[in-house]
Amino acid sequence: MRWLLFLSVLTVGLYRCAITSDVIKEEHNVLFESGKHGLLAFVPSRKRVTREIGGAGSKLPHIENRVKELCANDKRLNDSMATMKTCLKKKPVFLTPRDEFIENIDHCSVETRNELRKCLPEKLRYFPDFFFNLVDSVVKLLYDDFGEIARGLAPCVSKLNEEPSKTNYEKCLKSTGEDIQEEILESKEKFCGKFLEAANCFIKQLNDTCTTNEDLEKFKKDYIAAVKRPCK
């Protein structure tokens, strides 16, 4: 069930990405990366992307353990996930039009969503749709704000990794109740509350660290909208 960590890879700020402006010129380098995150991560060549896992993503091991506990022995779920991973490879990110790419995610995940609903208790059955709705929302952000990320966010990534920016970001996360474990999964409202608090820590870090410009301002606005959308 390591695929749950995919949430932290896809979500910018939980997944903080920087794409250089010339990546569009090298579309042949676009890859599907698999590995420790289980479910394929939709990202360009690793030479063109900087990824960090933070924020609400740090809660995901606890969520993963909770879902493991409930669904670990579900062979049909494991089989559906293997099929989904193969299916997702058919449409490379950024080489596939946005809506077609998202449609493929939705198509490939139908069986996995259904199997998750079957094995999760009733109060947790919101989570499969929430998760994949979040995936759709963040993929739209990465497509629609591709230029803004390249021009506005990428130049600041090195500063985000430096002190005191990094430590201040971690302190902000702790102030949101980062230590809360699997109970954040018990309701959509509770999960979203903590999730959005962590997302705002990323925005605060950008405000405190990066030089303001039009591209970065648009990205920040669109990022918050993308994270909020699945919580409505």
C-alpha atoms as a PDB file:
ATOM      1  CA  MET A   1       0.000   0.000   0.000  1.00  0.00           C
ATOM      2  CA  ARG A   2       2.930   2.365  -0.488  1.00  0.00           C
ATOM      3  CA  TRP A   3       0.874   3.992  -3.239  1.00  0.00           C
ATOM      4  CA  LEU A   4      -0.628   6.247  -0.596  1.00  0.00           C
ATOM      5  CA  LEU A   5       2.689   8.078  -0.492  1.00  0.00           C
ATOM      6  CA  PHE A   6       1.872   9.179  -4.041  1.00  0.00           C
ATOM      7  CA  LEU A   7      -0.321  11.831  -2.470  1.00  0.00           C
ATOM      8  CA  SER A   8       2.757  13.534  -1.091  1.00  0.00           C
ATOM      9  CA  VAL A   9       4.532  13.312  -4.444  1.00  0.00           C
ATOM     10  CA  LEU A  10       1.723  14.855  -6.456  1.00  0.00           C
ATOM     11  CA  THR A  11       0.730  17.658  -4.149  1.00  0.00           C
ATOM     12  CA  VAL A  12       2.881  20.705  -4.668  1.00  0.00           C
ATOM     13  CA  GLY A  13       3.980  21.912  -1.283  1.00  0.00           C
ATOM     14  CA  LEU A  14       3.607  18.410   0.036  1.00  0.00           C
ATOM     15  CA  TYR A  15       5.240  17.568  -3.210  1.00  0.00           C
ATOM     16  CA  ARG A  16       7.206  20.756  -3.922  1.00  0.00           C
ATOM     17  CA  CYS A  17       8.322  20.807  -7.524  1.00  0.00           C
ATOM     18  CA  ALA A  18      10.410  23.071  -9.681  1.00  0.00           C
ATOM     19  CA  ILE A  19      10.502  22.647 -13.434  1.00  0.00           C
ATOM     20  CA  THR A  20      13.052  24.583 -15.474  1.00  0.00           C
ATOM     21  CA  SER A  21      11.771  26.671 -18.349  1.00  0.00           C
ATOM     22  CA  ASP A  22      13.435  24.548 -21.033  1.00  0.00           C
ATOM     23  CA  VAL A  23      11.764  21.277 -20.026  1.00  0.00           C
ATOM     24  CA  ILE A  24       9.131  21.778 -22.715  1.00  0.00           C
ATOM     25  CA  LYS A  25      11.918  21.687 -25.299  1.00  0.00           C
ATOM     26  CA  GLU A  26      12.971  18.255 -24.059  1.00  0.00           C
ATOM     27  CA  GLU A  27       9.679  16.403 -23.976  1.00  0.00           C
ATOM     28  CA  HIS A  28      11.435  13.207 -25.003  1.00  0.00           C
ATOM     29  CA  ASN A  29      12.914  13.157 -21.498  1.00  0.00           C
ATOM     30  CA  VAL A  30       9.506  12.937 -19.865  1.00  0.00           C
ATOM     31  CA  LEU A  31       9.273   9.715 -17.871  1.00  0.00           C
ATOM     32  CA  PHE A  32       6.979   7.760 -15.678  1.00  0.00           C
ATOM     33  CA  GLU A  33       8.968   7.206 -12.505  1.00  0.00           C
ATOM     34  CA  SER A  34       8.187   4.276 -10.285  1.00  0.00           C
ATOM     35  CA  GLY A  35       9.962   3.106  -7.200  1.00  0.00           C
ATOM     36  CA  LYS A  36       9.654   3.766  -3.518  1.00  0.00           C
ATOM     37  CA  HIS A  37       6.333   5.552  -3.970  1.00  0.00           C
ATOM     38  CA  GLY A  38       4.669   2.476  -5.426  1.00  0.00           C
ATOM     39  CA  LEU A  39       2.068   4.064  -7.653  1.00  0.00           C
ATOM     40  CA  LEU A  40       3.694   5.696 -10.631  1.00  0.00           C
ATOM     41  CA  ALA A  41       4.596   9.317 -10.021  1.00  0.00           C
ATOM     42  CA  PHE A  42       3.731  11.606 -12.892  1.00  0.00           C
ATOM     43  CA  VAL A  43       6.832  13.762 -13.227  1.00  0.00           C
ATOM     44  CA  PRO A  44       9.245  14.928 -15.944  1.00  0.00           C
ATOM     45  CA  SER A  45      12.828  13.684 -16.071  1.00  0.00           C
ATOM     46  CA  ARG A  46      14.429  13.807 -12.633  1.00  0.00           C
ATOM     47  CA  LYS A  47      17.062  16.167 -14.070  1.00  0.00           C
ATOM     48  CA  ARG A  48      14.277  18.714 -14.498  1.00  0.00           C
ATOM     49  CA  VAL A  49      12.376  18.266 -11.270  1.00  0.00           C
ATOM     50  CA  THR A  50      13.196  18.890  -7.634  1.00  0.00           C
ATOM     51  CA  ARG A  51      10.921  17.026  -5.270  1.00  0.00           C
ATOM     52  CA  GLU A  52      10.565  17.219  -1.536  1.00  0.00           C
ATOM     53  CA  ILE A  53       8.145  15.375   0.663  1.00  0.00           C
ATOM     54  CA  GLY A  54       6.852  17.475   3.516  1.00  0.00           C
ATOM     55  CA  GLY A  55       3.735  18.947   5.010  1.00  0.00           C
ATOM     56  CA  ALA A  56       0.728  16.685   5.199  1.00  0.00           C
ATOM     57  CA  GLY A  57       2.758  14.107   3.314  1.00  0.00           C
ATOM     58  CA  SER A  58       4.506  13.319   6.571  1.00  0.00           C
ATOM     59  CA  LYS A  59       1.168  12.091   7.931  1.00  0.00           C
ATOM     60  CA  LEU A  60       0.823   9.546   5.164  1.00  0.00           C
ATOM     61  CA  PRO A  61       2.856   6.709   6.720  1.00  0.00           C
ATOM     62  CA  HIS A  62       0.317   6.697   9.555  1.00  0.00           C
ATOM     63  CA  ILE A  63      -2.572   6.702   7.075  1.00  0.00           C
ATOM     64  CA  GLU A  64      -0.838   3.990   5.076  1.00  0.00           C
ATOM     65  CA  ASN A  65      -0.554   1.804   8.170  1.00  0.00           C
ATOM     66  CA  ARG A  66      -4.234   2.294   8.920  1.00  0.00           C
ATOM     67  CA  VAL A  67      -5.283   1.263   5.418  1.00  0.00           C
ATOM     68  CA  LYS A  68      -2.847  -1.656   5.510  1.00  0.00           C
ATOM     69  CA  GLU A  69      -4.490  -2.839   8.686  1.00  0.00           C
ATOM     70  CA  LEU A  70      -7.907  -2.785   7.041  1.00  0.00           C
ATOM     71  CA  CYS A  71      -7.058  -4.022   3.546  1.00  0.00           C
ATOM     72  CA  ALA A  72      -3.712  -5.841   3.722  1.00  0.00           C
ATOM     73  CA  ASN A  73      -5.156  -9.272   2.958  1.00  0.00           C
ATOM     74  CA  ASP A  74      -7.359  -8.130   0.101  1.00  0.00           C
ATOM     75  CA  LYS A  75      -6.021  -9.956  -2.959  1.00  0.00           C
ATOM     76  CA  ARG A  76      -8.505  -8.320  -5.315  1.00  0.00           C
ATOM     77  CA  LEU A  77      -7.337  -4.877  -4.207  1.00  0.00           C
ATOM     78  CA  ASN A  78      -3.690  -5.780  -4.778  1.00  0.00           C
ATOM     79  CA  ASP A  79      -4.520  -7.211  -8.199  1.00  0.00           C
ATOM     80  CA  SER A  80      -6.508  -4.120  -9.154  1.00  0.00           C
ATOM     81  CA  MET A  81      -3.609  -1.886  -8.182  1.00  0.00           C
ATOM     82  CA  ALA A  82      -1.197  -3.873 -10.335  1.00  0.00           C
ATOM     83  CA  THR A  83      -3.589  -3.528 -13.268  1.00  0.00           C
ATOM     84  CA  MET A  84      -3.983   0.188 -12.591  1.00  0.00           C
ATOM     85  CA  LYS A  85      -0.222   0.775 -12.639  1.00  0.00           C
ATOM     86  CA  THR A  86       0.064  -0.914 -16.036  1.00  0.00           C
ATOM     87  CA  CYS A  87      -2.899   1.048 -17.348  1.00  0.00           C
ATOM     88  CA  LEU A  88      -1.448   4.400 -16.238  1.00  0.00           C
ATOM     89  CA  LYS A  89       1.685   3.865 -18.332  1.00  0.00           C
ATOM     90  CA  LYS A  90      -0.334   4.177 -21.529  1.00  0.00           C
ATOM     91  CA  LYS A  91      -0.577   7.975 -21.312  1.00  0.00           C
ATOM     92  CA  PRO A  92       2.714   9.813 -20.597  1.00  0.00           C
ATOM     93  CA  VAL A  93       2.344  13.045 -18.655  1.00  0.00           C
ATOM     94  CA  PHE A  94       2.816  16.300 -20.608  1.00  0.00           C
ATOM     95  CA  LEU A  95       3.043  14.286 -23.840  1.00  0.00           C
ATOM     96  CA  THR A  96      -0.676  13.586 -23.438  1.00  0.00           C
ATOM     97  CA  PRO A  97      -3.252  16.423 -23.539  1.00  0.00           C
ATOM     98  CA  ARG A  98      -4.365  17.367 -20.033  1.00  0.00           C
ATOM     99  CA  ASP A  99      -7.974  16.189 -20.199  1.00  0.00           C
ATOM    100  CA  GLU A 100      -7.005  12.939 -21.918  1.00  0.00           C
ATOM    101  CA  PHE A 101      -4.376  12.291 -19.256  1.00  0.00           C
ATOM    102  CA  ILE A 102      -6.844  12.886 -16.415  1.00  0.00           C
ATOM    103  CA  GLU A 103      -9.486  10.780 -18.135  1.00  0.00           C
ATOM    104  CA  ASN A 104      -6.981   7.930 -18.248  1.00  0.00           C
ATOM    105  CA  ILE A 105      -6.284   8.279 -14.511  1.00  0.00           C
ATOM    106  CA  ASP A 106      -9.997   8.104 -13.796  1.00  0.00           C
ATOM    107  CA  HIS A 107     -10.485   5.143 -16.127  1.00  0.00           C
ATOM    108  CA  CYS A 108      -7.515   3.198 -14.754  1.00  0.00           C
ATOM    109  CA  SER A 109      -8.495   3.752 -11.118  1.00  0.00           C
ATOM    110  CA  VAL A 110     -12.143   2.618 -11.265  1.00  0.00           C
ATOM    111  CA  GLU A 111     -11.526  -0.936 -10.062  1.00  0.00           C
ATOM    112  CA  THR A 112      -9.095   0.141  -7.344  1.00  0.00           C
ATOM    113  CA  ARG A 113     -11.574   2.711  -6.030  1.00  0.00           C
ATOM    114  CA  ASN A 114     -14.282   0.081  -5.901  1.00  0.00           C
ATOM    115  CA  GLU A 115     -12.093  -2.448  -4.089  1.00  0.00           C
ATOM    116  CA  LEU A 116     -11.009   0.172  -1.550  1.00  0.00           C
ATOM    117  CA  ARG A 117     -14.626   1.052  -0.790  1.00  0.00           C
ATOM    118  CA  LYS A 118     -15.366  -2.617  -0.173  1.00  0.00           C
ATOM    119  CA  CYS A 119     -12.563  -3.177   2.316  1.00  0.00           C
ATOM    120  CA  LEU A 120     -12.725   0.138   4.187  1.00  0.00           C
ATOM    121  CA  PRO A 121     -15.240   0.721   6.993  1.00  0.00           C
ATOM    122  CA  GLU A 122     -18.156   2.951   6.104  1.00  0.00           C
ATOM    123  CA  LYS A 123     -16.766   6.126   7.698  1.00  0.00           C
ATOM    124  CA  LEU A 124     -13.580   5.838   5.623  1.00  0.00           C
ATOM    125  CA  ARG A 125     -15.201   5.182   2.266  1.00  0.00           C
ATOM    126  CA  TYR A 126     -14.945   8.835   1.317  1.00  0.00           C
ATOM    127  CA  PHE A 127     -11.167   8.471   1.024  1.00  0.00           C
ATOM    128  CA  PRO A 128     -10.718   6.701  -2.366  1.00  0.00           C
ATOM    129  CA  ASP A 129     -12.707   9.335  -4.250  1.00  0.00           C
ATOM    130  CA  PHE A 130     -11.089  12.120  -2.238  1.00  0.00           C
ATOM    131  CA  PHE A 131      -7.625  10.796  -3.047  1.00  0.00           C
ATOM    132  CA  PHE A 132      -8.165  10.476  -6.783  1.00  0.00           C
ATOM    133  CA  ASN A 133     -10.030  13.790  -6.945  1.00  0.00           C
ATOM    134  CA  LEU A 134      -6.953  15.348  -5.364  1.00  0.00           C
ATOM    135  CA  VAL A 135      -4.768  13.646  -7.965  1.00  0.00           C
ATOM    136  CA  ASP A 136      -6.941  15.081 -10.750  1.00  0.00           C
ATOM    137  CA  SER A 137      -6.874  18.544  -9.205  1.00  0.00           C
ATOM    138  CA  VAL A 138      -3.106  18.685  -8.779  1.00  0.00           C
ATOM    139  CA  VAL A 139      -2.474  17.263 -12.252  1.00  0.00           C
ATOM    140  CA  LYS A 140      -4.605  20.093 -13.640  1.00  0.00           C
ATOM    141  CA  LEU A 141      -2.483  22.545 -11.666  1.00  0.00           C
ATOM    142  CA  LEU A 142       0.762  21.095 -13.029  1.00  0.00           C
ATOM    143  CA  TYR A 143      -0.530  21.322 -16.597  1.00  0.00           C
ATOM    144  CA  ASP A 144      -2.226  24.705 -16.345  1.00  0.00           C
ATOM    145  CA  ASP A 145       0.524  26.424 -14.342  1.00  0.00           C
ATOM    146  CA  PHE A 146       3.460  24.753 -16.056  1.00  0.00           C
ATOM    147  CA  GLY A 147       4.934  28.084 -17.131  1.00  0.00           C
ATOM    148  CA  GLU A 148       4.269  29.775 -13.810  1.00  0.00           C
ATOM    149  CA  ILE A 149       6.011  26.947 -11.944  1.00  0.00           C
ATOM    150  CA  ALA A 150       9.009  27.142 -14.279  1.00  0.00           C
ATOM    151  CA  ARG A 151       9.339  30.926 -14.165  1.00  0.00           C
ATOM    152  CA  GLY A 152       8.067  31.733 -10.680  1.00  0.00           C
ATOM    153  CA  LEU A 153       8.784  28.763  -8.411  1.00  0.00           C
ATOM    154  CA  ALA A 154      11.846  27.082  -9.909  1.00  0.00           C
ATOM    155  CA  PRO A 155      14.245  30.013  -9.303  1.00  0.00           C
ATOM    156  CA  CYS A 156      13.397  29.934  -5.575  1.00  0.00           C
ATOM    157  CA  VAL A 157      13.725  26.219  -4.859  1.00  0.00           C
ATOM    158  CA  SER A 158      17.320  26.385  -3.650  1.00  0.00           C
ATOM    159  CA  LYS A 159      16.349  29.073  -1.122  1.00  0.00           C
ATOM    160  CA  LEU A 160      13.472  26.933   0.151  1.00  0.00           C
ATOM    161  CA  ASN A 161      16.013  24.246   1.017  1.00  0.00           C
ATOM    162  CA  GLU A 162      18.230  26.616   2.968  1.00  0.00           C
ATOM    163  CA  GLU A 163      18.080  27.874   6.548  1.00  0.00           C
ATOM    164  CA  PRO A 164      16.164  29.450   8.127  1.00  0.00           C
ATOM    165  CA  SER A 165      13.456  28.805   5.514  1.00  0.00           C
ATOM    166  CA  LYS A 166      13.500  25.022   5.891  1.00  0.00           C
ATOM    167  CA  THR A 167      13.395  25.048   9.694  1.00  0.00           C
ATOM    168  CA  ASN A 168      10.641  27.668   9.798  1.00  0.00           C
ATOM    169  CA  TYR A 169       8.577  25.558   7.415  1.00  0.00           C
ATOM    170  CA  GLU A 170       8.991  22.489   9.625  1.00  0.00           C
ATOM    171  CA  LYS A 171       7.989  24.505  12.700  1.00  0.00           C
ATOM    172  CA  CYS A 172       4.845  25.650  10.919  1.00  0.00           C
ATOM    173  CA  LEU A 173       3.951  22.060  10.100  1.00  0.00           C
ATOM    174  CA  LYS A 174       4.372  21.020  13.721  1.00  0.00           C
ATOM    175  CA  SER A 175       2.068  23.834  14.797  1.00  0.00           C
ATOM    176  CA  THR A 176      -0.709  22.334  12.661  1.00  0.00           C
ATOM    177  CA  GLY A 177      -0.696  19.146  14.734  1.00  0.00           C
ATOM    178  CA  GLU A 178       1.599  17.187  12.469  1.00  0.00           C
ATOM    179  CA  ASP A 179       1.821  14.433  15.069  1.00  0.00           C
ATOM    180  CA  ILE A 180      -1.846  13.504  14.595  1.00  0.00           C
ATOM    181  CA  GLN A 181      -1.863   9.988  13.213  1.00  0.00           C
ATOM    182  CA  GLU A 182      -4.450   7.786  11.561  1.00  0.00           C
ATOM    183  CA  GLU A 183      -7.435   9.481  13.192  1.00  0.00           C
ATOM    184  CA  ILE A 184      -7.145  12.271  10.628  1.00  0.00           C
ATOM    185  CA  LEU A 185      -8.607   9.775   8.206  1.00  0.00           C
ATOM    186  CA  GLU A 186     -11.790   9.301  10.215  1.00  0.00           C
ATOM    187  CA  SER A 187     -13.705  12.024   8.360  1.00  0.00           C
ATOM    188  CA  LYS A 188     -13.216  14.070   5.229  1.00  0.00           C
ATOM    189  CA  GLU A 189     -13.741  17.289   7.168  1.00  0.00           C
ATOM    190  CA  LYS A 190     -11.064  16.487   9.740  1.00  0.00           C
ATOM    191  CA  PHE A 191      -8.600  15.258   7.148  1.00  0.00           C
ATOM    192  CA  CYS A 192      -9.105  18.344   4.995  1.00  0.00           C
ATOM    193  CA  GLY A 193      -8.709  20.668   7.960  1.00  0.00           C
ATOM    194  CA  LYS A 194      -5.206  19.415   8.733  1.00  0.00           C
ATOM    195  CA  PHE A 195      -4.367  18.997   5.064  1.00  0.00           C
ATOM    196  CA  LEU A 196      -5.189  22.638   4.267  1.00  0.00           C
ATOM    197  CA  GLU A 197      -3.286  23.898   7.306  1.00  0.00           C
ATOM    198  CA  ALA A 198      -0.185  22.110   6.051  1.00  0.00           C
ATOM    199  CA  ALA A 199      -0.717  23.517   2.552  1.00  0.00           C
ATOM    200  CA  ASN A 200      -0.830  27.032   3.982  1.00  0.00           C
ATOM    201  CA  CYS A 201       2.547  26.417   5.628  1.00  0.00           C
ATOM    202  CA  PHE A 202       3.993  26.030   2.140  1.00  0.00           C
ATOM    203  CA  ILE A 203       2.401  29.296   1.042  1.00  0.00           C
ATOM    204  CA  LYS A 204       3.837  31.010   4.116  1.00  0.00           C
ATOM    205  CA  GLN A 205       7.269  29.648   3.274  1.00  0.00           C
ATOM    206  CA  LEU A 206       6.981  31.012  -0.263  1.00  0.00           C
ATOM    207  CA  ASN A 207       5.887  34.403   1.067  1.00  0.00           C
ATOM    208  CA  ASP A 208       8.762  34.555   3.542  1.00  0.00           C
ATOM    209  CA  THR A 209      11.476  33.217   1.239  1.00  0.00           C
ATOM    210  CA  CYS A 210      10.824  33.955  -2.422  1.00  0.00           C
ATOM    211  CA  THR A 211      10.903  37.175  -4.415  1.00  0.00           C
ATOM    212  CA  THR A 212       7.362  38.110  -5.351  1.00  0.00           C
ATOM    213  CA  ASN A 213       6.525  38.078  -9.034  1.00  0.00           C
ATOM    214  CA  GLU A 214       3.394  37.712 -11.120  1.00  0.00           C
ATOM    215  CA  ASP A 215       4.009  34.059 -11.946  1.00  0.00           C
ATOM    216  CA  LEU A 216       4.571  33.045  -8.329  1.00  0.00           C
ATOM    217  CA  GLU A 217       1.488  34.934  -7.158  1.00  0.00           C
ATOM    218  CA  LYS A 218      -0.672  33.145  -9.715  1.00  0.00           C
ATOM    219  CA  PHE A 219       0.798  29.783  -8.758  1.00  0.00           C
ATOM    220  CA  LYS A 220       0.119  30.356  -5.034  1.00  0.00           C
ATOM    221  CA  LYS A 221      -3.499  31.252  -5.725  1.00  0.00           C
ATOM    222  CA  ASP A 222      -4.010  28.306  -8.058  1.00  0.00           C
ATOM    223  CA  TYR A 223      -2.230  25.913  -5.690  1.00  0.00           C
ATOM    224  CA  ILE A 224      -4.562  26.690  -2.790  1.00  0.00           C
ATOM    225  CA  ALA A 225      -7.568  26.375  -5.098  1.00  0.00           C
ATOM    226  CA  ALA A 226      -6.309  22.983  -6.316  1.00  0.00           C
ATOM    227  CA  VAL A 227      -5.840  21.665  -2.784  1.00  0.00           C
ATOM    228  CA  LYS A 228      -9.227  22.962  -1.627  1.00  0.00           C
ATOM    229  CA  ARG A 229     -11.194  21.574  -4.564  1.00  0.00           C
ATOM    230  CA  PRO A 230     -11.403  17.921  -3.392  1.00  0.00           C
ATOM    231  CA  CYS A 231     -12.453  19.100   0.072  1.00  0.00           C
ATOM    232  CA  LYS A 232     -15.644  20.782  -1.137  1.00  0.00           C
END
